[in-house]
Amino acid sequence: MDFQQLKSAGLYPIAHASGRPSTPMPEHVAACPKHRVLWTAWHDNTYDWRKPREWGGGHIMDCRTSHQERAYDWAEKNLAQMNAAALSCEQGRGCTSVKEDA
């Protein structure tokens, strides 16, 4: 699906057009101090409409891409990182409550 199809289907995971996914924090992540910080950092990684750039990089946005599409792209990529942090926590990898072998 392209951007317009996703948007018309109601699958537009952006809160306040900031590029921030509107996804609640999983309970197991909220209980883990380390993964809570990681999850929140990705959740708060917002798209700046005044200084547009590619996600995660310092490049200027391609003028053929609309701000809405770029913000959606940011939300999608941030959500993937949030899910990766949640999965890592669920599996006990890197959790502060789990003693890791040195």
N, C-alpha and C. Protein backbone atom coordinates (compact mmCIF):
# COMPACT_ATOMS: atom_id res chain seq x y z
N MET A 1 0.84 -1.20 0.00
CA MET A 1 0.00 0.00 0.00
C MET A 1 0.88 1.25 0.00
N ASP A 2 0.46 2.22 -0.75
CA ASP A 2 1.20 3.47 -0.72
C ASP A 2 0.64 4.38 0.38
N PHE A 3 1.26 5.53 0.53
CA PHE A 3 0.90 6.44 1.61
C PHE A 3 -0.57 6.81 1.62
N GLN A 4 -1.11 7.22 0.47
CA GLN A 4 -2.50 7.65 0.41
C GLN A 4 -3.46 6.52 0.73
N GLN A 5 -3.16 5.29 0.30
CA GLN A 5 -4.02 4.14 0.61
C GLN A 5 -4.00 3.85 2.10
N LEU A 6 -2.84 3.89 2.72
CA LEU A 6 -2.74 3.67 4.16
C LEU A 6 -3.52 4.73 4.93
N LYS A 7 -3.36 5.98 4.51
CA LYS A 7 -4.04 7.07 5.19
C LYS A 7 -5.56 6.94 5.07
N SER A 8 -6.05 6.62 3.87
CA SER A 8 -7.49 6.49 3.68
C SER A 8 -8.06 5.26 4.39
N ALA A 9 -7.22 4.24 4.61
CA ALA A 9 -7.67 3.04 5.33
C ALA A 9 -7.61 3.22 6.84
N GLY A 10 -7.18 4.40 7.29
CA GLY A 10 -7.09 4.64 8.73
C GLY A 10 -5.86 4.06 9.38
N LEU A 11 -4.88 3.65 8.59
CA LEU A 11 -3.66 3.05 9.11
C LEU A 11 -2.54 4.09 9.09
N TYR A 12 -2.79 5.19 9.72
CA TYR A 12 -1.88 6.33 9.73
C TYR A 12 -1.41 6.53 11.16
N PRO A 13 -0.31 5.86 11.56
CA PRO A 13 0.09 5.82 12.98
C PRO A 13 0.81 7.06 13.49
N ILE A 14 0.29 8.23 13.15
CA ILE A 14 0.96 9.45 13.57
C ILE A 14 0.08 10.22 14.54
N ALA A 15 0.62 10.59 15.66
CA ALA A 15 -0.07 11.44 16.62
C ALA A 15 0.41 12.87 16.39
N HIS A 16 -0.48 13.77 16.13
CA HIS A 16 -0.17 15.19 15.95
C HIS A 16 0.80 15.45 14.81
N ALA A 17 0.79 14.59 13.79
CA ALA A 17 1.62 14.77 12.59
C ALA A 17 3.09 15.02 12.92
N SER A 18 3.57 14.41 13.97
CA SER A 18 4.95 14.64 14.41
C SER A 18 5.90 13.54 13.98
N GLY A 19 5.36 12.48 13.40
CA GLY A 19 6.21 11.33 13.09
C GLY A 19 6.32 10.40 14.27
N ARG A 20 5.53 10.66 15.29
CA ARG A 20 5.56 9.85 16.51
C ARG A 20 4.44 8.81 16.44
N PRO A 21 4.78 7.52 16.54
CA PRO A 21 3.73 6.50 16.51
C PRO A 21 2.81 6.62 17.71
N SER A 22 1.53 6.40 17.49
CA SER A 22 0.56 6.46 18.59
C SER A 22 0.35 5.05 19.12
N THR A 23 1.37 4.54 19.78
CA THR A 23 1.37 3.18 20.31
C THR A 23 1.65 3.24 21.81
N PRO A 24 0.81 2.55 22.62
CA PRO A 24 1.08 2.54 24.06
C PRO A 24 2.29 1.67 24.40
N MET A 25 2.99 2.03 25.47
CA MET A 25 4.15 1.26 25.91
C MET A 25 3.69 -0.07 26.51
N PRO A 26 4.28 -1.19 26.07
CA PRO A 26 3.94 -2.49 26.67
C PRO A 26 4.29 -2.51 28.15
N GLU A 27 3.53 -3.25 28.93
CA GLU A 27 3.73 -3.30 30.38
C GLU A 27 5.11 -3.82 30.76
N HIS A 28 5.60 -4.86 30.05
CA HIS A 28 6.91 -5.41 30.40
C HIS A 28 8.03 -4.40 30.13
N VAL A 29 7.84 -3.54 29.15
CA VAL A 29 8.84 -2.50 28.86
C VAL A 29 8.79 -1.42 29.94
N ALA A 30 7.59 -1.06 30.37
CA ALA A 30 7.43 -0.04 31.41
C ALA A 30 8.07 -0.49 32.72
N ALA A 31 8.12 -1.79 32.95
CA ALA A 31 8.69 -2.33 34.18
C ALA A 31 10.21 -2.46 34.13
N CYS A 32 10.80 -2.32 32.96
CA CYS A 32 12.24 -2.48 32.79
C CYS A 32 12.87 -1.10 32.56
N PRO A 33 13.67 -0.60 33.50
CA PRO A 33 14.23 0.75 33.36
C PRO A 33 15.05 0.95 32.08
N LYS A 34 15.84 -0.03 31.70
CA LYS A 34 16.72 0.11 30.54
C LYS A 34 15.91 0.19 29.24
N HIS A 35 15.00 -0.75 29.05
CA HIS A 35 14.23 -0.77 27.81
C HIS A 35 13.17 0.33 27.77
N ARG A 36 12.72 0.78 28.93
CA ARG A 36 11.78 1.90 28.96
C ARG A 36 12.43 3.16 28.39
N VAL A 37 13.70 3.38 28.73
CA VAL A 37 14.44 4.54 28.22
C VAL A 37 14.62 4.42 26.70
N LEU A 38 15.01 3.24 26.22
CA LEU A 38 15.19 3.03 24.78
C LEU A 38 13.87 3.22 24.03
N TRP A 39 12.80 2.60 24.53
CA TRP A 39 11.49 2.67 23.88
C TRP A 39 11.01 4.12 23.81
N THR A 40 11.18 4.86 24.92
CA THR A 40 10.74 6.25 24.98
C THR A 40 11.56 7.13 24.04
N ALA A 41 12.85 6.87 23.94
CA ALA A 41 13.70 7.65 23.03
C ALA A 41 13.23 7.50 21.59
N TRP A 42 12.89 6.28 21.17
CA TRP A 42 12.39 6.09 19.81
C TRP A 42 11.00 6.69 19.65
N HIS A 43 10.18 6.60 20.67
CA HIS A 43 8.83 7.18 20.62
C HIS A 43 8.91 8.70 20.46
N ASP A 44 9.87 9.31 21.11
CA ASP A 44 10.00 10.77 21.09
C ASP A 44 10.88 11.30 19.95
N ASN A 45 11.35 10.41 19.10
CA ASN A 45 12.16 10.80 17.94
C ASN A 45 11.22 11.37 16.87
N THR A 46 10.98 12.66 16.92
CA THR A 46 9.96 13.26 16.06
C THR A 46 10.53 13.87 14.79
N TYR A 47 9.66 13.98 13.82
CA TYR A 47 9.98 14.62 12.55
C TYR A 47 9.86 16.12 12.72
N ASP A 48 10.87 16.87 12.30
CA ASP A 48 10.86 18.32 12.42
C ASP A 48 10.42 18.92 11.09
N TRP A 49 9.22 19.47 11.06
CA TRP A 49 8.67 20.04 9.83
C TRP A 49 9.43 21.29 9.38
N ARG A 50 10.09 21.97 10.32
CA ARG A 50 10.83 23.19 9.97
C ARG A 50 12.20 22.89 9.40
N LYS A 51 12.78 21.75 9.80
CA LYS A 51 14.09 21.34 9.29
C LYS A 51 13.98 19.89 8.82
N PRO A 52 13.29 19.66 7.71
CA PRO A 52 13.07 18.28 7.26
C PRO A 52 14.36 17.60 6.84
N ARG A 53 14.44 16.32 7.18
CA ARG A 53 15.59 15.52 6.79
C ARG A 53 15.17 14.06 6.73
N GLU A 54 16.02 13.26 6.17
CA GLU A 54 15.76 11.83 6.10
C GLU A 54 15.79 11.25 7.51
N TRP A 55 15.08 10.18 7.74
CA TRP A 55 15.04 9.55 9.05
C TRP A 55 16.43 9.08 9.44
N GLY A 56 16.85 9.45 10.63
CA GLY A 56 18.11 8.98 11.18
C GLY A 56 19.37 9.59 10.61
N GLY A 57 19.24 10.45 9.63
CA GLY A 57 20.43 11.02 9.01
C GLY A 57 20.36 12.53 8.99
N GLY A 58 21.37 13.14 8.46
CA GLY A 58 21.42 14.58 8.42
C GLY A 58 21.15 15.16 7.04
N HIS A 59 20.64 14.33 6.14
CA HIS A 59 20.43 14.78 4.78
C HIS A 59 19.14 15.58 4.65
N ILE A 60 19.15 16.53 3.77
CA ILE A 60 17.96 17.34 3.49
C ILE A 60 16.93 16.47 2.77
N MET A 61 15.67 16.71 3.06
CA MET A 61 14.59 15.93 2.48
C MET A 61 14.49 16.14 0.97
N ASP A 62 14.20 15.08 0.25
CA ASP A 62 13.95 15.14 -1.18
C ASP A 62 12.67 15.95 -1.40
N CYS A 63 12.71 16.95 -2.25
CA CYS A 63 11.57 17.85 -2.44
C CYS A 63 10.37 17.15 -3.08
N ARG A 64 10.55 15.96 -3.62
CA ARG A 64 9.44 15.22 -4.23
C ARG A 64 8.62 14.48 -3.18
N THR A 65 9.11 14.43 -1.96
CA THR A 65 8.42 13.73 -0.88
C THR A 65 7.71 14.75 -0.01
N SER A 66 6.42 14.54 0.22
CA SER A 66 5.65 15.49 1.04
C SER A 66 6.02 15.34 2.51
N HIS A 67 5.74 16.38 3.27
CA HIS A 67 5.98 16.32 4.71
C HIS A 67 5.16 15.20 5.35
N GLN A 68 3.94 15.01 4.90
CA GLN A 68 3.10 13.95 5.47
C GLN A 68 3.71 12.58 5.22
N GLU A 69 4.20 12.35 4.01
CA GLU A 69 4.83 11.07 3.70
C GLU A 69 6.08 10.86 4.54
N ARG A 70 6.88 11.92 4.70
CA ARG A 70 8.11 11.81 5.48
C ARG A 70 7.78 11.55 6.95
N ALA A 71 6.79 12.26 7.49
CA ALA A 71 6.39 12.04 8.88
C ALA A 71 5.88 10.62 9.08
N TYR A 72 5.12 10.11 8.11
CA TYR A 72 4.64 8.73 8.18
C TYR A 72 5.81 7.77 8.17
N ASP A 73 6.80 8.02 7.31
CA ASP A 73 7.99 7.19 7.23
C ASP A 73 8.73 7.17 8.56
N TRP A 74 8.84 8.35 9.18
CA TRP A 74 9.48 8.43 10.50
C TRP A 74 8.71 7.60 11.51
N ALA A 75 7.39 7.73 11.52
CA ALA A 75 6.57 6.98 12.47
C ALA A 75 6.74 5.48 12.27
N GLU A 76 6.77 5.05 11.02
CA GLU A 76 6.91 3.64 10.71
C GLU A 76 8.27 3.10 11.18
N LYS A 77 9.33 3.85 10.91
CA LYS A 77 10.67 3.41 11.31
C LYS A 77 10.87 3.49 12.82
N ASN A 78 10.33 4.53 13.44
CA ASN A 78 10.41 4.62 14.90
C ASN A 78 9.66 3.47 15.54
N LEU A 79 8.48 3.12 15.00
CA LEU A 79 7.69 2.02 15.52
C LEU A 79 8.47 0.71 15.42
N ALA A 80 9.19 0.50 14.33
CA ALA A 80 10.00 -0.71 14.18
C ALA A 80 11.07 -0.78 15.26
N GLN A 81 11.70 0.36 15.58
CA GLN A 81 12.72 0.38 16.62
C GLN A 81 12.11 0.16 18.00
N MET A 82 10.91 0.73 18.23
CA MET A 82 10.21 0.52 19.50
C MET A 82 9.86 -0.95 19.67
N ASN A 83 9.40 -1.59 18.60
CA ASN A 83 9.06 -3.02 18.66
C ASN A 83 10.30 -3.87 18.89
N ALA A 84 11.43 -3.48 18.32
CA ALA A 84 12.68 -4.21 18.53
C ALA A 84 13.11 -4.12 20.00
N ALA A 85 12.98 -2.94 20.59
CA ALA A 85 13.32 -2.78 22.01
C ALA A 85 12.38 -3.61 22.88
N ALA A 86 11.09 -3.63 22.54
CA ALA A 86 10.11 -4.40 23.31
C ALA A 86 10.39 -5.90 23.20
N LEU A 87 10.74 -6.36 22.00
CA LEU A 87 11.05 -7.78 21.80
C LEU A 87 12.31 -8.16 22.56
N SER A 88 13.31 -7.31 22.52
CA SER A 88 14.55 -7.57 23.26
C SER A 88 14.26 -7.69 24.75
N CYS A 89 13.41 -6.82 25.26
CA CYS A 89 13.04 -6.87 26.68
C CYS A 89 12.25 -8.14 26.99
N GLU A 90 11.31 -8.47 26.11
CA GLU A 90 10.47 -9.66 26.31
C GLU A 90 11.33 -10.93 26.37
N GLN A 91 12.40 -10.94 25.60
CA GLN A 91 13.31 -12.09 25.57
C GLN A 91 14.38 -12.01 26.66
N GLY A 92 14.38 -10.92 27.43
CA GLY A 92 15.32 -10.78 28.53
C GLY A 92 16.71 -10.36 28.11
N ARG A 93 16.87 -9.92 26.86
CA ARG A 93 18.19 -9.51 26.37
C ARG A 93 18.47 -8.08 26.77
N GLY A 94 19.50 -7.88 27.57
CA GLY A 94 19.91 -6.54 27.96
C GLY A 94 19.10 -5.93 29.09
N CYS A 95 18.21 -6.70 29.69
CA CYS A 95 17.41 -6.16 30.79
C CYS A 95 18.28 -5.99 32.03
N THR A 96 17.99 -4.96 32.80
CA THR A 96 18.76 -4.70 34.02
C THR A 96 18.41 -5.71 35.10
N SER A 97 17.24 -6.34 34.97
CA SER A 97 16.83 -7.32 35.99
C SER A 97 17.47 -8.68 35.76
N VAL A 98 18.07 -8.89 34.58
CA VAL A 98 18.70 -10.15 34.25
C VAL A 98 20.22 -9.99 34.37
N LYS A 99 20.84 -10.88 35.12
CA LYS A 99 22.30 -10.84 35.27
C LYS A 99 22.93 -11.41 34.01
N GLU A 100 23.78 -10.63 33.40
CA GLU A 100 24.44 -11.07 32.17
C GLU A 100 25.81 -11.63 32.49
N ASP A 101 26.19 -12.65 31.75
CA ASP A 101 27.51 -13.25 31.94
C ASP A 101 28.59 -12.31 31.46
N ALA A 102 29.63 -12.18 32.24
CA ALA A 102 30.74 -11.29 31.88
C ALA A 102 31.78 -12.01 31.07
